[in-house]
Amino acid sequence: MLHRLLLAGAFAGLTFAAAQAADVEAPPPESFDWSGFYVGAQVGYGWGDFDIKITTGDLDAEPPFPNGDFDGVLGGAHAGYNFQADQFVFGLEADIEASDMDGSDTWGQEVEDVDVEVLGSLRARAGIALDNLLLYATGGLAGAEIKYTTDIIPGSTSNNNVDYWGYTVGGGVEYAFSESLSVRLEYRYTDLGEETFNPKSIECFPIDCKLHGDVDFHAVRAGISWHFGAL
């Protein structure tokens, strides 16, 4: 429920901010400085795939599920700080997002549903400022909470929330309408790697059973930021 409320809030914030941005005059190109602290909101669409494998005991005895796909809407908030030297802009940015990305796969009678619930990242940004237009690359640490709903034995369901850590890289373009308001469009690829967990509340096999989930995805985000200037 929390991640859906955050997602709804992100949509509402972007809609309100976009309406205000239409009334803001662009600054003279020579005067704009990207330096300083900023906060904002973003919303986007993500798509990716996951690979689930079952192992029993010390043996990799069970074949993997087929690769599954997932997609959906995501959105949240971001904050960061920029430093500018001539045309070069460097900074650090963090974000947190709720996600509606989900999907499933089936192997025989076994079913695995994946729901990416919460996302976050801490990234460096570096770019070139063309007056009030910023072209940038970004990359750093990414994390997520992913819910797995597993039905390995028909009628016996297991719910597992698994924390993932990986990396995210991408780039974007940002345009400043004024000294205090900018909009952006960004693409990022995120690889969360593989995590291993024990299914809960099911009798998987007579011996120890583990699931291994490998997750990666792409996302395009549109966002808006409020700038407060250099400290």
C-alpha atoms as a PDB file:
ATOM      1  CA  MET A   1       0.000   0.000   0.000  1.00  0.00           C
ATOM      2  CA  LEU A   2       2.819   2.447   0.900  1.00  0.00           C
ATOM      3  CA  HIS A   3       4.562   2.108  -2.453  1.00  0.00           C
ATOM      4  CA  ARG A   4       1.283   2.756  -4.310  1.00  0.00           C
ATOM      5  CA  LEU A   5       0.638   5.893  -2.222  1.00  0.00           C
ATOM      6  CA  LEU A   6       4.169   7.158  -3.000  1.00  0.00           C
ATOM      7  CA  LEU A   7       3.575   6.483  -6.676  1.00  0.00           C
ATOM      8  CA  ALA A   8       0.301   8.404  -6.661  1.00  0.00           C
ATOM      9  CA  GLY A   9       2.002  11.300  -4.873  1.00  0.00           C
ATOM     10  CA  ALA A  10       4.764  11.430  -7.480  1.00  0.00           C
ATOM     11  CA  PHE A  11       2.210  11.665 -10.279  1.00  0.00           C
ATOM     12  CA  ALA A  12       0.322  14.463  -8.503  1.00  0.00           C
ATOM     13  CA  GLY A  13       3.519  16.415  -7.790  1.00  0.00           C
ATOM     14  CA  LEU A  14       4.733  16.263 -11.379  1.00  0.00           C
ATOM     15  CA  THR A  15       1.330  17.328 -12.722  1.00  0.00           C
ATOM     16  CA  PHE A  16       1.198  20.360 -10.417  1.00  0.00           C
ATOM     17  CA  ALA A  17       4.816  21.349 -11.101  1.00  0.00           C
ATOM     18  CA  ALA A  18       4.406  21.052 -14.871  1.00  0.00           C
ATOM     19  CA  ALA A  19       1.465  23.446 -14.748  1.00  0.00           C
ATOM     20  CA  GLN A  20       3.572  25.995 -12.847  1.00  0.00           C
ATOM     21  CA  ALA A  21       6.540  25.554 -15.187  1.00  0.00           C
ATOM     22  CA  ALA A  22       4.483  26.742 -18.140  1.00  0.00           C
ATOM     23  CA  ASP A  23       4.261  30.200 -16.526  1.00  0.00           C
ATOM     24  CA  VAL A  24       7.997  30.566 -15.782  1.00  0.00           C
ATOM     25  CA  GLU A  25      10.184  32.580 -18.149  1.00  0.00           C
ATOM     26  CA  ALA A  26      13.525  31.123 -19.208  1.00  0.00           C
ATOM     27  CA  PRO A  27      16.566  32.968 -17.822  1.00  0.00           C
ATOM     28  CA  PRO A  28      19.115  34.638 -20.054  1.00  0.00           C
ATOM     29  CA  PRO A  29      21.436  31.800 -21.210  1.00  0.00           C
ATOM     30  CA  GLU A  30      24.581  33.586 -19.982  1.00  0.00           C
ATOM     31  CA  SER A  31      23.304  33.869 -16.423  1.00  0.00           C
ATOM     32  CA  PHE A  32      22.391  30.326 -15.524  1.00  0.00           C
ATOM     33  CA  ASP A  33      24.518  28.467 -12.970  1.00  0.00           C
ATOM     34  CA  TRP A  34      23.794  24.790 -12.185  1.00  0.00           C
ATOM     35  CA  SER A  35      25.674  24.932  -8.860  1.00  0.00           C
ATOM     36  CA  GLY A  36      23.760  24.218  -5.689  1.00  0.00           C
ATOM     37  CA  PHE A  37      21.291  22.031  -3.882  1.00  0.00           C
ATOM     38  CA  TYR A  38      18.069  20.767  -5.494  1.00  0.00           C
ATOM     39  CA  VAL A  39      15.125  18.475  -4.766  1.00  0.00           C
ATOM     40  CA  GLY A  40      12.525  17.057  -7.103  1.00  0.00           C
ATOM     41  CA  ALA A  41      10.138  14.346  -8.180  1.00  0.00           C
ATOM     42  CA  GLN A  42      10.130  11.876 -11.049  1.00  0.00           C
ATOM     43  CA  VAL A  43       7.871   9.329 -12.694  1.00  0.00           C
ATOM     44  CA  GLY A  44       8.631   6.755 -15.369  1.00  0.00           C
ATOM     45  CA  TYR A  45       8.257   3.327 -16.876  1.00  0.00           C
ATOM     46  CA  GLY A  46      10.508   0.317 -16.333  1.00  0.00           C
ATOM     47  CA  TRP A  47      10.884  -3.065 -18.019  1.00  0.00           C
ATOM     48  CA  GLY A  48      13.229  -5.978 -17.411  1.00  0.00           C
ATOM     49  CA  ASP A  49      13.612  -9.675 -16.746  1.00  0.00           C
ATOM     50  CA  PHE A  50      14.409 -12.108 -13.953  1.00  0.00           C
ATOM     51  CA  ASP A  51      15.941 -15.565 -13.874  1.00  0.00           C
ATOM     52  CA  ILE A  52      14.977 -17.999 -11.095  1.00  0.00           C
ATOM     53  CA  LYS A  53      16.914 -21.185 -10.293  1.00  0.00           C
ATOM     54  CA  ILE A  54      16.188 -23.832  -7.651  1.00  0.00           C
ATOM     55  CA  THR A  55      18.893 -25.728  -5.764  1.00  0.00           C
ATOM     56  CA  THR A  56      18.471 -28.526  -3.204  1.00  0.00           C
ATOM     57  CA  GLY A  57      21.075 -29.136  -0.540  1.00  0.00           C
ATOM     58  CA  ASP A  58      24.564 -28.731  -1.969  1.00  0.00           C
ATOM     59  CA  LEU A  59      23.431 -29.816  -5.436  1.00  0.00           C
ATOM     60  CA  ASP A  60      22.324 -27.666  -8.327  1.00  0.00           C
ATOM     61  CA  ALA A  61      19.797 -30.417  -8.987  1.00  0.00           C
ATOM     62  CA  GLU A  62      16.781 -28.562 -10.304  1.00  0.00           C
ATOM     63  CA  PRO A  63      16.532 -26.838 -13.706  1.00  0.00           C
ATOM     64  CA  PRO A  64      15.824 -23.110 -13.774  1.00  0.00           C
ATOM     65  CA  PHE A  65      12.481 -21.555 -14.447  1.00  0.00           C
ATOM     66  CA  PRO A  66      12.232 -19.909 -17.876  1.00  0.00           C
ATOM     67  CA  ASN A  67      13.330 -16.270 -17.831  1.00  0.00           C
ATOM     68  CA  GLY A  68      10.434 -14.070 -16.763  1.00  0.00           C
ATOM     69  CA  ASP A  69       9.612 -10.519 -17.829  1.00  0.00           C
ATOM     70  CA  PHE A  70       8.252  -7.667 -15.738  1.00  0.00           C
ATOM     71  CA  ASP A  71       7.242  -4.065 -16.380  1.00  0.00           C
ATOM     72  CA  GLY A  72       5.293  -1.215 -14.858  1.00  0.00           C
ATOM     73  CA  VAL A  73       5.223   2.375 -13.628  1.00  0.00           C
ATOM     74  CA  LEU A  74       7.637   3.789 -11.042  1.00  0.00           C
ATOM     75  CA  GLY A  75       8.020   7.161  -9.372  1.00  0.00           C
ATOM     76  CA  GLY A  76       9.334   8.993  -6.341  1.00  0.00           C
ATOM     77  CA  ALA A  77      11.631  11.794  -5.200  1.00  0.00           C
ATOM     78  CA  HIS A  78      15.262  12.829  -5.672  1.00  0.00           C
ATOM     79  CA  ALA A  79      17.741  15.255  -4.101  1.00  0.00           C
ATOM     80  CA  GLY A  80      21.263  16.287  -4.980  1.00  0.00           C
ATOM     81  CA  TYR A  81      23.998  18.893  -5.165  1.00  0.00           C
ATOM     82  CA  ASN A  82      25.847  20.232  -8.233  1.00  0.00           C
ATOM     83  CA  PHE A  83      29.234  21.886  -8.647  1.00  0.00           C
ATOM     84  CA  GLN A  84      29.972  23.821 -11.848  1.00  0.00           C
ATOM     85  CA  ALA A  85      33.368  24.785 -13.277  1.00  0.00           C
ATOM     86  CA  ASP A  86      33.115  26.566 -16.607  1.00  0.00           C
ATOM     87  CA  GLN A  87      30.865  24.282 -18.712  1.00  0.00           C
ATOM     88  CA  PHE A  88      31.498  21.189 -16.619  1.00  0.00           C
ATOM     89  CA  VAL A  89      28.960  20.120 -13.984  1.00  0.00           C
ATOM     90  CA  PHE A  90      29.624  17.462 -11.320  1.00  0.00           C
ATOM     91  CA  GLY A  91      27.357  16.314  -8.552  1.00  0.00           C
ATOM     92  CA  LEU A  92      25.893  13.653  -6.309  1.00  0.00           C
ATOM     93  CA  GLU A  93      22.255  12.571  -6.332  1.00  0.00           C
ATOM     94  CA  ALA A  94      20.068  10.153  -4.350  1.00  0.00           C
ATOM     95  CA  ASP A  95      16.564   8.963  -5.123  1.00  0.00           C
ATOM     96  CA  ILE A  96      13.863   6.716  -3.689  1.00  0.00           C
ATOM     97  CA  GLU A  97      10.912   5.336  -5.621  1.00  0.00           C
ATOM     98  CA  ALA A  98       7.823   3.194  -5.310  1.00  0.00           C
ATOM     99  CA  SER A  99       7.337   0.717  -8.143  1.00  0.00           C
ATOM    100  CA  ASP A 100       4.450  -1.093  -9.769  1.00  0.00           C
ATOM    101  CA  MET A 101       6.740  -3.287 -11.904  1.00  0.00           C
ATOM    102  CA  ASP A 102       5.722  -6.961 -11.745  1.00  0.00           C
ATOM    103  CA  GLY A 103       5.649 -10.161 -13.794  1.00  0.00           C
ATOM    104  CA  SER A 104       5.611 -13.946 -13.546  1.00  0.00           C
ATOM    105  CA  ASP A 105       6.868 -17.158 -15.115  1.00  0.00           C
ATOM    106  CA  THR A 106       5.739 -20.792 -15.021  1.00  0.00           C
ATOM    107  CA  TRP A 107       7.659 -24.067 -15.218  1.00  0.00           C
ATOM    108  CA  GLY A 108       5.429 -27.132 -15.184  1.00  0.00           C
ATOM    109  CA  GLN A 109       3.136 -26.643 -12.191  1.00  0.00           C
ATOM    110  CA  GLU A 110       5.542 -24.260 -10.490  1.00  0.00           C
ATOM    111  CA  VAL A 111       4.762 -20.538 -10.572  1.00  0.00           C
ATOM    112  CA  GLU A 112       6.936 -17.569  -9.595  1.00  0.00           C
ATOM    113  CA  ASP A 113       5.527 -14.015  -9.346  1.00  0.00           C
ATOM    114  CA  VAL A 114       7.931 -11.078  -8.975  1.00  0.00           C
ATOM    115  CA  ASP A 115       6.917  -7.625  -7.715  1.00  0.00           C
ATOM    116  CA  VAL A 116       9.549  -4.845  -7.568  1.00  0.00           C
ATOM    117  CA  GLU A 117       8.177  -2.753  -4.691  1.00  0.00           C
ATOM    118  CA  VAL A 118      10.765  -0.129  -3.660  1.00  0.00           C
ATOM    119  CA  LEU A 119      13.835   1.239  -5.466  1.00  0.00           C
ATOM    120  CA  GLY A 120      16.646   3.559  -4.469  1.00  0.00           C
ATOM    121  CA  SER A 121      20.026   4.762  -5.702  1.00  0.00           C
ATOM    122  CA  LEU A 122      23.034   6.903  -4.786  1.00  0.00           C
ATOM    123  CA  ARG A 123      24.785   8.173  -7.931  1.00  0.00           C
ATOM    124  CA  ALA A 124      27.420  10.520  -9.257  1.00  0.00           C
ATOM    125  CA  ARG A 125      26.461  12.867 -12.105  1.00  0.00           C
ATOM    126  CA  ALA A 126      28.779  14.533 -14.614  1.00  0.00           C
ATOM    127  CA  GLY A 127      27.841  16.612 -17.603  1.00  0.00           C
ATOM    128  CA  ILE A 128      28.308  19.578 -19.881  1.00  0.00           C
ATOM    129  CA  ALA A 129      26.193  22.712 -19.495  1.00  0.00           C
ATOM    130  CA  LEU A 130      25.124  24.520 -22.649  1.00  0.00           C
ATOM    131  CA  ASP A 131      23.787  27.593 -20.868  1.00  0.00           C
ATOM    132  CA  ASN A 132      20.466  26.416 -19.370  1.00  0.00           C
ATOM    133  CA  LEU A 133      20.654  22.977 -21.035  1.00  0.00           C
ATOM    134  CA  LEU A 134      22.544  20.180 -19.236  1.00  0.00           C
ATOM    135  CA  LEU A 135      23.661  16.931 -20.884  1.00  0.00           C
ATOM    136  CA  TYR A 136      24.817  14.422 -18.264  1.00  0.00           C
ATOM    137  CA  ALA A 137      25.840  10.850 -17.477  1.00  0.00           C
ATOM    138  CA  THR A 138      25.084   9.192 -14.153  1.00  0.00           C
ATOM    139  CA  GLY A 139      25.977   5.993 -12.319  1.00  0.00           C
ATOM    140  CA  GLY A 140      26.350   4.437  -8.894  1.00  0.00           C
ATOM    141  CA  LEU A 141      24.847   2.147  -6.268  1.00  0.00           C
ATOM    142  CA  ALA A 142      21.290   0.815  -6.632  1.00  0.00           C
ATOM    143  CA  GLY A 143      19.063  -1.109  -4.228  1.00  0.00           C
ATOM    144  CA  ALA A 144      15.583  -2.620  -4.300  1.00  0.00           C
ATOM    145  CA  GLU A 145      13.087  -4.627  -2.290  1.00  0.00           C
ATOM    146  CA  ILE A 146      11.529  -7.382  -4.384  1.00  0.00           C
ATOM    147  CA  LYS A 147       8.623  -9.602  -3.368  1.00  0.00           C
ATOM    148  CA  TYR A 148       8.589 -13.198  -4.643  1.00  0.00           C
ATOM    149  CA  THR A 149       5.353 -15.187  -4.515  1.00  0.00           C
ATOM    150  CA  THR A 150       6.226 -18.825  -5.125  1.00  0.00           C
ATOM    151  CA  ASP A 151       3.957 -21.800  -5.704  1.00  0.00           C
ATOM    152  CA  ILE A 152       6.404 -24.682  -6.025  1.00  0.00           C
ATOM    153  CA  ILE A 153       3.979 -27.229  -4.596  1.00  0.00           C
ATOM    154  CA  PRO A 154       0.485 -26.485  -6.041  1.00  0.00           C
ATOM    155  CA  GLY A 155      -1.682 -24.976  -3.333  1.00  0.00           C
ATOM    156  CA  SER A 156       1.262 -24.096  -1.065  1.00  0.00           C
ATOM    157  CA  THR A 157       2.220 -20.428  -1.469  1.00  0.00           C
ATOM    158  CA  SER A 158       5.408 -18.785  -0.200  1.00  0.00           C
ATOM    159  CA  ASN A 159       5.865 -14.996   0.090  1.00  0.00           C
ATOM    160  CA  ASN A 160       9.422 -13.668   0.372  1.00  0.00           C
ATOM    161  CA  ASN A 161      10.645 -10.053   0.467  1.00  0.00           C
ATOM    162  CA  VAL A 162      14.272  -9.973  -0.670  1.00  0.00           C
ATOM    163  CA  ASP A 163      16.692  -7.004  -0.542  1.00  0.00           C
ATOM    164  CA  TYR A 164      18.908  -6.510  -3.594  1.00  0.00           C
ATOM    165  CA  TRP A 165      22.036  -4.391  -4.141  1.00  0.00           C
ATOM    166  CA  GLY A 166      23.626  -3.656  -7.501  1.00  0.00           C
ATOM    167  CA  TYR A 167      24.494  -0.793  -9.818  1.00  0.00           C
ATOM    168  CA  THR A 168      22.744   1.627 -12.148  1.00  0.00           C
ATOM    169  CA  VAL A 169      24.129   3.639 -15.102  1.00  0.00           C
ATOM    170  CA  GLY A 170      22.604   5.972 -17.671  1.00  0.00           C
ATOM    171  CA  GLY A 171      22.273   9.529 -18.833  1.00  0.00           C
ATOM    172  CA  GLY A 172      19.859  12.307 -19.531  1.00  0.00           C
ATOM    173  CA  VAL A 173      19.098  15.846 -20.555  1.00  0.00           C
ATOM    174  CA  GLU A 174      17.905  18.612 -18.227  1.00  0.00           C
ATOM    175  CA  TYR A 175      16.527  22.046 -19.120  1.00  0.00           C
ATOM    176  CA  ALA A 176      16.226  24.997 -16.726  1.00  0.00           C
ATOM    177  CA  PHE A 177      13.223  27.275 -17.121  1.00  0.00           C
ATOM    178  CA  SER A 178      14.528  29.613 -14.418  1.00  0.00           C
ATOM    179  CA  GLU A 179      17.146  29.751 -11.666  1.00  0.00           C
ATOM    180  CA  SER A 180      14.817  27.685  -9.473  1.00  0.00           C
ATOM    181  CA  LEU A 181      13.066  25.235 -11.815  1.00  0.00           C
ATOM    182  CA  SER A 182      14.240  22.581 -14.290  1.00  0.00           C
ATOM    183  CA  VAL A 183      12.813  19.513 -16.044  1.00  0.00           C
ATOM    184  CA  ARG A 184      14.637  16.360 -17.140  1.00  0.00           C
ATOM    185  CA  LEU A 185      14.350  13.206 -19.204  1.00  0.00           C
ATOM    186  CA  GLU A 186      16.575  10.291 -18.161  1.00  0.00           C
ATOM    187  CA  TYR A 187      17.330   6.694 -19.148  1.00  0.00           C
ATOM    188  CA  ARG A 188      19.035   4.206 -16.799  1.00  0.00           C
ATOM    189  CA  TYR A 189      19.960   0.530 -16.845  1.00  0.00           C
ATOM    190  CA  THR A 190      19.975  -1.215 -13.454  1.00  0.00           C
ATOM    191  CA  ASP A 191      21.546  -4.592 -12.681  1.00  0.00           C
ATOM    192  CA  LEU A 192      20.661  -5.889  -9.210  1.00  0.00           C
ATOM    193  CA  GLY A 193      22.599  -9.133  -9.538  1.00  0.00           C
ATOM    194  CA  GLU A 194      21.609 -12.413  -7.899  1.00  0.00           C
ATOM    195  CA  GLU A 195      20.277 -13.040  -4.399  1.00  0.00           C
ATOM    196  CA  THR A 196      19.644 -16.393  -2.700  1.00  0.00           C
ATOM    197  CA  PHE A 197      16.818 -17.058  -0.237  1.00  0.00           C
ATOM    198  CA  ASN A 198      14.925 -19.898   1.428  1.00  0.00           C
ATOM    199  CA  PRO A 199      11.247 -20.101   0.467  1.00  0.00           C
ATOM    200  CA  LYS A 200       9.007 -19.584   3.498  1.00  0.00           C
ATOM    201  CA  SER A 201       5.937 -21.517   4.609  1.00  0.00           C
ATOM    202  CA  ILE A 202       6.306 -24.409   2.162  1.00  0.00           C
ATOM    203  CA  GLU A 203       7.678 -27.924   2.301  1.00  0.00           C
ATOM    204  CA  CYS A 204       9.976 -27.462  -0.660  1.00  0.00           C
ATOM    205  CA  PHE A 205      11.812 -30.769  -0.632  1.00  0.00           C
ATOM    206  CA  PRO A 206      12.880 -33.309   2.013  1.00  0.00           C
ATOM    207  CA  ILE A 207      16.257 -31.521   2.053  1.00  0.00           C
ATOM    208  CA  ASP A 208      17.220 -27.858   2.088  1.00  0.00           C
ATOM    209  CA  CYS A 209      15.768 -25.873  -0.830  1.00  0.00           C
ATOM    210  CA  LYS A 210      16.930 -22.469  -2.023  1.00  0.00           C
ATOM    211  CA  LEU A 211      15.809 -20.080  -4.746  1.00  0.00           C
ATOM    212  CA  HIS A 212      18.266 -17.879  -6.646  1.00  0.00           C
ATOM    213  CA  GLY A 213      16.872 -14.784  -8.349  1.00  0.00           C
ATOM    214  CA  ASP A 214      18.794 -12.642 -10.867  1.00  0.00           C
ATOM    215  CA  VAL A 215      17.166  -9.280 -11.757  1.00  0.00           C
ATOM    216  CA  ASP A 216      17.961  -6.432 -14.173  1.00  0.00           C
ATOM    217  CA  PHE A 217      15.834  -3.761 -15.863  1.00  0.00           C
ATOM    218  CA  HIS A 218      15.711  -0.592 -17.968  1.00  0.00           C
ATOM    219  CA  ALA A 219      13.772   2.573 -17.072  1.00  0.00           C
ATOM    220  CA  VAL A 220      12.915   5.937 -18.614  1.00  0.00           C
ATOM    221  CA  ARG A 221      12.005   8.735 -16.212  1.00  0.00           C
ATOM    222  CA  ALA A 222      10.692  12.293 -16.555  1.00  0.00           C
ATOM    223  CA  GLY A 223      11.307  14.609 -13.629  1.00  0.00           C
ATOM    224  CA  ILE A 224      11.193  18.128 -12.288  1.00  0.00           C
ATOM    225  CA  SER A 225      13.613  19.796  -9.838  1.00  0.00           C
ATOM    226  CA  TRP A 226      13.572  22.873  -7.625  1.00  0.00           C
ATOM    227  CA  HIS A 227      16.990  24.571  -7.239  1.00  0.00           C
ATOM    228  CA  PHE A 228      18.138  26.552  -4.199  1.00  0.00           C
ATOM    229  CA  GLY A 229      21.528  27.812  -5.343  1.00  0.00           C
ATOM    230  CA  ALA A 230      25.046  27.207  -4.021  1.00  0.00           C
ATOM    231  CA  LEU A 231      25.689  27.039  -0.276  1.00  0.00           C
END
